[in-house]
Amino acid sequence: MAYEDVKTYAAMAGLLIFIALFVGVLIYAFWPGNKARFEEARNIPLEQDPEDPAPRGDNGR
């Protein structure tokens, strides 16, 4: 088996692995059971931060 053959098979295997990973991520993202988790994560930036009970005098340093 020549180097060019090994290079071709390795490139094809890598491509197939990345396609499989991409499809797996898409399936995970669009799976109906994950909707509630993503809805909750979507609202995290909109939630109000809890008040700091004891402010530090060092301006956060």
PDB file of N, CA and C in Angstrom:
ATOM      1  N   MET A   1       0.850  -1.167   0.000  1.00  0.00           N
ATOM      2  CA  MET A   1       0.000   0.000   0.000  1.00  0.00           C
ATOM      3  C   MET A   1       0.902   1.238   0.000  1.00  0.00           C
ATOM      4  N   ALA A   2       0.690   2.111  -0.933  1.00  0.00           N
ATOM      5  CA  ALA A   2       1.515   3.300  -1.086  1.00  0.00           C
ATOM      6  C   ALA A   2       1.008   4.420  -0.169  1.00  0.00           C
ATOM      7  N   TYR A   3       1.872   5.405   0.004  1.00  0.00           N
ATOM      8  CA  TYR A   3       1.533   6.542   0.856  1.00  0.00           C
ATOM      9  C   TYR A   3       0.269   7.244   0.362  1.00  0.00           C
ATOM     10  N   GLU A   4       0.119   7.390  -0.932  1.00  0.00           N
ATOM     11  CA  GLU A   4      -1.040   8.071  -1.484  1.00  0.00           C
ATOM     12  C   GLU A   4      -2.334   7.344  -1.144  1.00  0.00           C
ATOM     13  N   ASP A   5      -2.277   6.021  -1.140  1.00  0.00           N
ATOM     14  CA  ASP A   5      -3.455   5.240  -0.765  1.00  0.00           C
ATOM     15  C   ASP A   5      -3.828   5.457   0.696  1.00  0.00           C
ATOM     16  N   VAL A   6      -2.829   5.430   1.565  1.00  0.00           N
ATOM     17  CA  VAL A   6      -3.069   5.641   2.994  1.00  0.00           C
ATOM     18  C   VAL A   6      -3.610   7.046   3.226  1.00  0.00           C
ATOM     19  N   LYS A   7      -3.045   8.023   2.520  1.00  0.00           N
ATOM     20  CA  LYS A   7      -3.500   9.402   2.660  1.00  0.00           C
ATOM     21  C   LYS A   7      -4.957   9.534   2.231  1.00  0.00           C
ATOM     22  N   THR A   8      -5.334   8.881   1.146  1.00  0.00           N
ATOM     23  CA  THR A   8      -6.700   8.938   0.651  1.00  0.00           C
ATOM     24  C   THR A   8      -7.666   8.302   1.642  1.00  0.00           C
ATOM     25  N   TYR A   9      -7.318   7.118   2.177  1.00  0.00           N
ATOM     26  CA  TYR A   9      -8.180   6.439   3.137  1.00  0.00           C
ATOM     27  C   TYR A   9      -8.303   7.227   4.440  1.00  0.00           C
ATOM     28  N   ALA A  10      -7.200   7.826   4.887  1.00  0.00           N
ATOM     29  CA  ALA A  10      -7.233   8.610   6.118  1.00  0.00           C
ATOM     30  C   ALA A  10      -8.111   9.855   5.941  1.00  0.00           C
ATOM     31  N   ALA A  11      -7.998  10.504   4.791  1.00  0.00           N
ATOM     32  CA  ALA A  11      -8.826  11.685   4.536  1.00  0.00           C
ATOM     33  C   ALA A  11     -10.303  11.303   4.474  1.00  0.00           C
ATOM     34  N   MET A  12     -10.607  10.188   3.842  1.00  0.00           N
ATOM     35  CA  MET A  12     -11.993   9.738   3.747  1.00  0.00           C
ATOM     36  C   MET A  12     -12.533   9.349   5.118  1.00  0.00           C
ATOM     37  N   ALA A  13     -11.724   8.671   5.923  1.00  0.00           N
ATOM     38  CA  ALA A  13     -12.154   8.289   7.271  1.00  0.00           C
ATOM     39  C   ALA A  13     -12.397   9.520   8.126  1.00  0.00           C
ATOM     40  N   GLY A  14     -11.514  10.500   8.041  1.00  0.00           N
ATOM     41  CA  GLY A  14     -11.703  11.744   8.799  1.00  0.00           C
ATOM     42  C   GLY A  14     -12.973  12.468   8.388  1.00  0.00           C
ATOM     43  N   LEU A  15     -13.229  12.518   7.090  1.00  0.00           N
ATOM     44  CA  LEU A  15     -14.441  13.167   6.598  1.00  0.00           C
ATOM     45  C   LEU A  15     -15.685  12.465   7.123  1.00  0.00           C
ATOM     46  N   LEU A  16     -15.683  11.146   7.082  1.00  0.00           N
ATOM     47  CA  LEU A  16     -16.842  10.394   7.566  1.00  0.00           C
ATOM     48  C   LEU A  16     -17.050  10.569   9.072  1.00  0.00           C
ATOM     49  N   ILE A  17     -15.959  10.628   9.825  1.00  0.00           N
ATOM     50  CA  ILE A  17     -16.071  10.855  11.268  1.00  0.00           C
ATOM     51  C   ILE A  17     -16.662  12.224  11.548  1.00  0.00           C
ATOM     52  N   PHE A  18     -16.203  13.255  10.858  1.00  0.00           N
ATOM     53  CA  PHE A  18     -16.723  14.602  11.096  1.00  0.00           C
ATOM     54  C   PHE A  18     -18.182  14.726  10.659  1.00  0.00           C
ATOM     55  N   ILE A  19     -18.553  14.063   9.582  1.00  0.00           N
ATOM     56  CA  ILE A  19     -19.956  14.081   9.166  1.00  0.00           C
ATOM     57  C   ILE A  19     -20.817  13.393  10.218  1.00  0.00           C
ATOM     58  N   ALA A  20     -20.359  12.259  10.748  1.00  0.00           N
ATOM     59  CA  ALA A  20     -21.110  11.550  11.772  1.00  0.00           C
ATOM     60  C   ALA A  20     -21.255  12.404  13.037  1.00  0.00           C
ATOM     61  N   LEU A  21     -20.187  13.087  13.439  1.00  0.00           N
ATOM     62  CA  LEU A  21     -20.266  13.971  14.602  1.00  0.00           C
ATOM     63  C   LEU A  21     -21.239  15.116  14.362  1.00  0.00           C
ATOM     64  N   PHE A  22     -21.209  15.701  13.179  1.00  0.00           N
ATOM     65  CA  PHE A  22     -22.101  16.803  12.846  1.00  0.00           C
ATOM     66  C   PHE A  22     -23.553  16.348  12.891  1.00  0.00           C
ATOM     67  N   VAL A  23     -23.833  15.190  12.318  1.00  0.00           N
ATOM     68  CA  VAL A  23     -25.202  14.654  12.342  1.00  0.00           C
ATOM     69  C   VAL A  23     -25.613  14.353  13.781  1.00  0.00           C
ATOM     70  N   GLY A  24     -24.704  13.831  14.590  1.00  0.00           N
ATOM     71  CA  GLY A  24     -25.007  13.575  15.997  1.00  0.00           C
ATOM     72  C   GLY A  24     -25.349  14.837  16.757  1.00  0.00           C
ATOM     73  N   VAL A  25     -24.622  15.910  16.511  1.00  0.00           N
ATOM     74  CA  VAL A  25     -24.914  17.185  17.171  1.00  0.00           C
ATOM     75  C   VAL A  25     -26.263  17.728  16.712  1.00  0.00           C
ATOM     76  N   LEU A  26     -26.561  17.614  15.433  1.00  0.00           N
ATOM     77  CA  LEU A  26     -27.863  18.065  14.939  1.00  0.00           C
ATOM     78  C   LEU A  26     -29.007  17.276  15.571  1.00  0.00           C
ATOM     79  N   ILE A  27     -28.841  15.973  15.663  1.00  0.00           N
ATOM     80  CA  ILE A  27     -29.883  15.144  16.285  1.00  0.00           C
ATOM     81  C   ILE A  27     -30.069  15.551  17.744  1.00  0.00           C
ATOM     82  N   TYR A  28     -28.970  15.769  18.466  1.00  0.00           N
ATOM     83  CA  TYR A  28     -29.065  16.189  19.866  1.00  0.00           C
ATOM     84  C   TYR A  28     -29.761  17.539  19.990  1.00  0.00           C
ATOM     85  N   ALA A  29     -29.402  18.472  19.125  1.00  0.00           N
ATOM     86  CA  ALA A  29     -29.958  19.824  19.224  1.00  0.00           C
ATOM     87  C   ALA A  29     -31.446  19.860  18.897  1.00  0.00           C
ATOM     88  N   PHE A  30     -31.890  19.034  17.979  1.00  0.00           N
ATOM     89  CA  PHE A  30     -33.290  19.076  17.565  1.00  0.00           C
ATOM     90  C   PHE A  30     -34.140  17.972  18.183  1.00  0.00           C
ATOM     91  N   TRP A  31     -33.593  17.207  19.126  1.00  0.00           N
ATOM     92  CA  TRP A  31     -34.365  16.149  19.782  1.00  0.00           C
ATOM     93  C   TRP A  31     -35.450  16.797  20.641  1.00  0.00           C
ATOM     94  N   PRO A  32     -36.690  16.373  20.508  1.00  0.00           N
ATOM     95  CA  PRO A  32     -37.791  17.026  21.235  1.00  0.00           C
ATOM     96  C   PRO A  32     -37.623  17.016  22.758  1.00  0.00           C
ATOM     97  N   GLY A  33     -36.974  16.017  23.313  1.00  0.00           N
ATOM     98  CA  GLY A  33     -36.804  15.950  24.761  1.00  0.00           C
ATOM     99  C   GLY A  33     -35.871  17.014  25.319  1.00  0.00           C
ATOM    100  N   ASN A  34     -35.061  17.632  24.489  1.00  0.00           N
ATOM    101  CA  ASN A  34     -34.118  18.657  24.950  1.00  0.00           C
ATOM    102  C   ASN A  34     -34.697  20.058  24.895  1.00  0.00           C
ATOM    103  N   LYS A  35     -35.926  20.209  24.438  1.00  0.00           N
ATOM    104  CA  LYS A  35     -36.502  21.537  24.266  1.00  0.00           C
ATOM    105  C   LYS A  35     -36.569  22.302  25.580  1.00  0.00           C
ATOM    106  N   ALA A  36     -36.996  21.657  26.650  1.00  0.00           N
ATOM    107  CA  ALA A  36     -37.115  22.344  27.940  1.00  0.00           C
ATOM    108  C   ALA A  36     -35.748  22.818  28.429  1.00  0.00           C
ATOM    109  N   ARG A  37     -34.726  21.997  28.243  1.00  0.00           N
ATOM    110  CA  ARG A  37     -33.382  22.384  28.673  1.00  0.00           C
ATOM    111  C   ARG A  37     -32.887  23.606  27.900  1.00  0.00           C
ATOM    112  N   PHE A  38     -33.144  23.630  26.591  1.00  0.00           N
ATOM    113  CA  PHE A  38     -32.703  24.761  25.788  1.00  0.00           C
ATOM    114  C   PHE A  38     -33.529  26.010  26.073  1.00  0.00           C
ATOM    115  N   GLU A  39     -34.825  25.843  26.371  1.00  0.00           N
ATOM    116  CA  GLU A  39     -35.654  26.989  26.741  1.00  0.00           C
ATOM    117  C   GLU A  39     -35.133  27.625  28.029  1.00  0.00           C
ATOM    118  N   GLU A  40     -34.770  26.791  28.992  1.00  0.00           N
ATOM    119  CA  GLU A  40     -34.242  27.305  30.258  1.00  0.00           C
ATOM    120  C   GLU A  40     -32.911  28.023  30.033  1.00  0.00           C
ATOM    121  N   ALA A  41     -32.047  27.449  29.224  1.00  0.00           N
ATOM    122  CA  ALA A  41     -30.748  28.060  28.950  1.00  0.00           C
ATOM    123  C   ALA A  41     -30.907  29.358  28.169  1.00  0.00           C
ATOM    124  N   ARG A  42     -31.937  29.436  27.335  1.00  0.00           N
ATOM    125  CA  ARG A  42     -32.172  30.641  26.547  1.00  0.00           C
ATOM    126  C   ARG A  42     -32.504  31.830  27.434  1.00  0.00           C
ATOM    127  N   ASN A  43     -33.148  31.584  28.570  1.00  0.00           N
ATOM    128  CA  ASN A  43     -33.594  32.672  29.443  1.00  0.00           C
ATOM    129  C   ASN A  43     -32.575  33.071  30.493  1.00  0.00           C
ATOM    130  N   ILE A  44     -31.463  32.377  30.592  1.00  0.00           N
ATOM    131  CA  ILE A  44     -30.465  32.693  31.621  1.00  0.00           C
ATOM    132  C   ILE A  44     -29.963  34.143  31.522  1.00  0.00           C
ATOM    133  N   PRO A  45     -29.639  34.678  30.341  1.00  0.00           N
ATOM    134  CA  PRO A  45     -29.146  36.062  30.302  1.00  0.00           C
ATOM    135  C   PRO A  45     -30.192  37.089  30.713  1.00  0.00           C
ATOM    136  N   LEU A  46     -31.459  36.737  30.673  1.00  0.00           N
ATOM    137  CA  LEU A  46     -32.509  37.679  31.015  1.00  0.00           C
ATOM    138  C   LEU A  46     -32.854  37.685  32.497  1.00  0.00           C
ATOM    139  N   GLU A  47     -32.376  36.708  33.229  1.00  0.00           N
ATOM    140  CA  GLU A  47     -32.666  36.632  34.653  1.00  0.00           C
ATOM    141  C   GLU A  47     -31.887  37.700  35.399  1.00  0.00           C
ATOM    142  N   GLN A  48     -32.515  38.193  36.476  1.00  0.00           N
ATOM    143  CA  GLN A  48     -31.861  39.212  37.280  1.00  0.00           C
ATOM    144  C   GLN A  48     -30.829  38.548  38.178  1.00  0.00           C
ATOM    145  N   ASP A  49     -29.656  39.173  38.294  1.00  0.00           N
ATOM    146  CA  ASP A  49     -28.608  38.651  39.149  1.00  0.00           C
ATOM    147  C   ASP A  49     -29.019  38.798  40.611  1.00  0.00           C
ATOM    148  N   PRO A  50     -28.638  37.824  41.430  1.00  0.00           N
ATOM    149  CA  PRO A  50     -28.943  37.973  42.863  1.00  0.00           C
ATOM    150  C   PRO A  50     -28.114  39.111  43.444  1.00  0.00           C
ATOM    151  N   GLU A  51     -28.699  39.771  44.409  1.00  0.00           N
ATOM    152  CA  GLU A  51     -28.004  40.900  45.039  1.00  0.00           C
ATOM    153  C   GLU A  51     -26.840  40.384  45.881  1.00  0.00           C
ATOM    154  N   ASP A  52     -25.724  41.096  45.839  1.00  0.00           N
ATOM    155  CA  ASP A  52     -24.560  40.738  46.627  1.00  0.00           C
ATOM    156  C   ASP A  52     -24.786  41.259  48.042  1.00  0.00           C
ATOM    157  N   PRO A  53     -24.876  40.376  49.058  1.00  0.00           N
ATOM    158  CA  PRO A  53     -25.209  40.830  50.417  1.00  0.00           C
ATOM    159  C   PRO A  53     -24.104  41.655  51.067  1.00  0.00           C
ATOM    160  N   ALA A  54     -22.876  41.414  50.735  1.00  0.00           N
ATOM    161  CA  ALA A  54     -21.759  42.138  51.367  1.00  0.00           C
ATOM    162  C   ALA A  54     -20.839  42.670  50.265  1.00  0.00           C
ATOM    163  N   PRO A  55     -21.069  43.902  49.817  1.00  0.00           N
ATOM    164  CA  PRO A  55     -20.192  44.440  48.776  1.00  0.00           C
ATOM    165  C   PRO A  55     -18.763  44.603  49.279  1.00  0.00           C
ATOM    166  N   ARG A  56     -17.827  44.299  48.432  1.00  0.00           N
ATOM    167  CA  ARG A  56     -16.416  44.413  48.796  1.00  0.00           C
ATOM    168  C   ARG A  56     -15.958  45.839  48.549  1.00  0.00           C
ATOM    169  N   GLY A  57     -15.022  46.283  49.338  1.00  0.00           N
ATOM    170  CA  GLY A  57     -14.513  47.638  49.205  1.00  0.00           C
ATOM    171  C   GLY A  57     -13.345  47.758  48.257  1.00  0.00           C
ATOM    172  N   ASP A  58     -12.958  46.688  47.571  1.00  0.00           N
ATOM    173  CA  ASP A  58     -11.798  46.750  46.709  1.00  0.00           C
ATOM    174  C   ASP A  58     -12.187  46.889  45.237  1.00  0.00           C
ATOM    175  N   ASN A  59     -13.417  47.300  44.960  1.00  0.00           N
ATOM    176  CA  ASN A  59     -13.905  47.510  43.596  1.00  0.00           C
ATOM    177  C   ASN A  59     -13.756  46.267  42.726  1.00  0.00           C
ATOM    178  N   GLY A  60     -13.900  45.095  43.307  1.00  0.00           N
ATOM    179  CA  GLY A  60     -13.856  43.859  42.554  1.00  0.00           C
ATOM    180  C   GLY A  60     -12.489  43.344  42.197  1.00  0.00           C
ATOM    181  N   ARG A  61     -11.470  43.928  42.770  1.00  0.00           N
ATOM    182  CA  ARG A  61     -10.111  43.462  42.461  1.00  0.00           C
ATOM    183  C   ARG A  61      -9.648  42.416  43.420  1.00  0.00           C
TER     184      ARG A  61
END
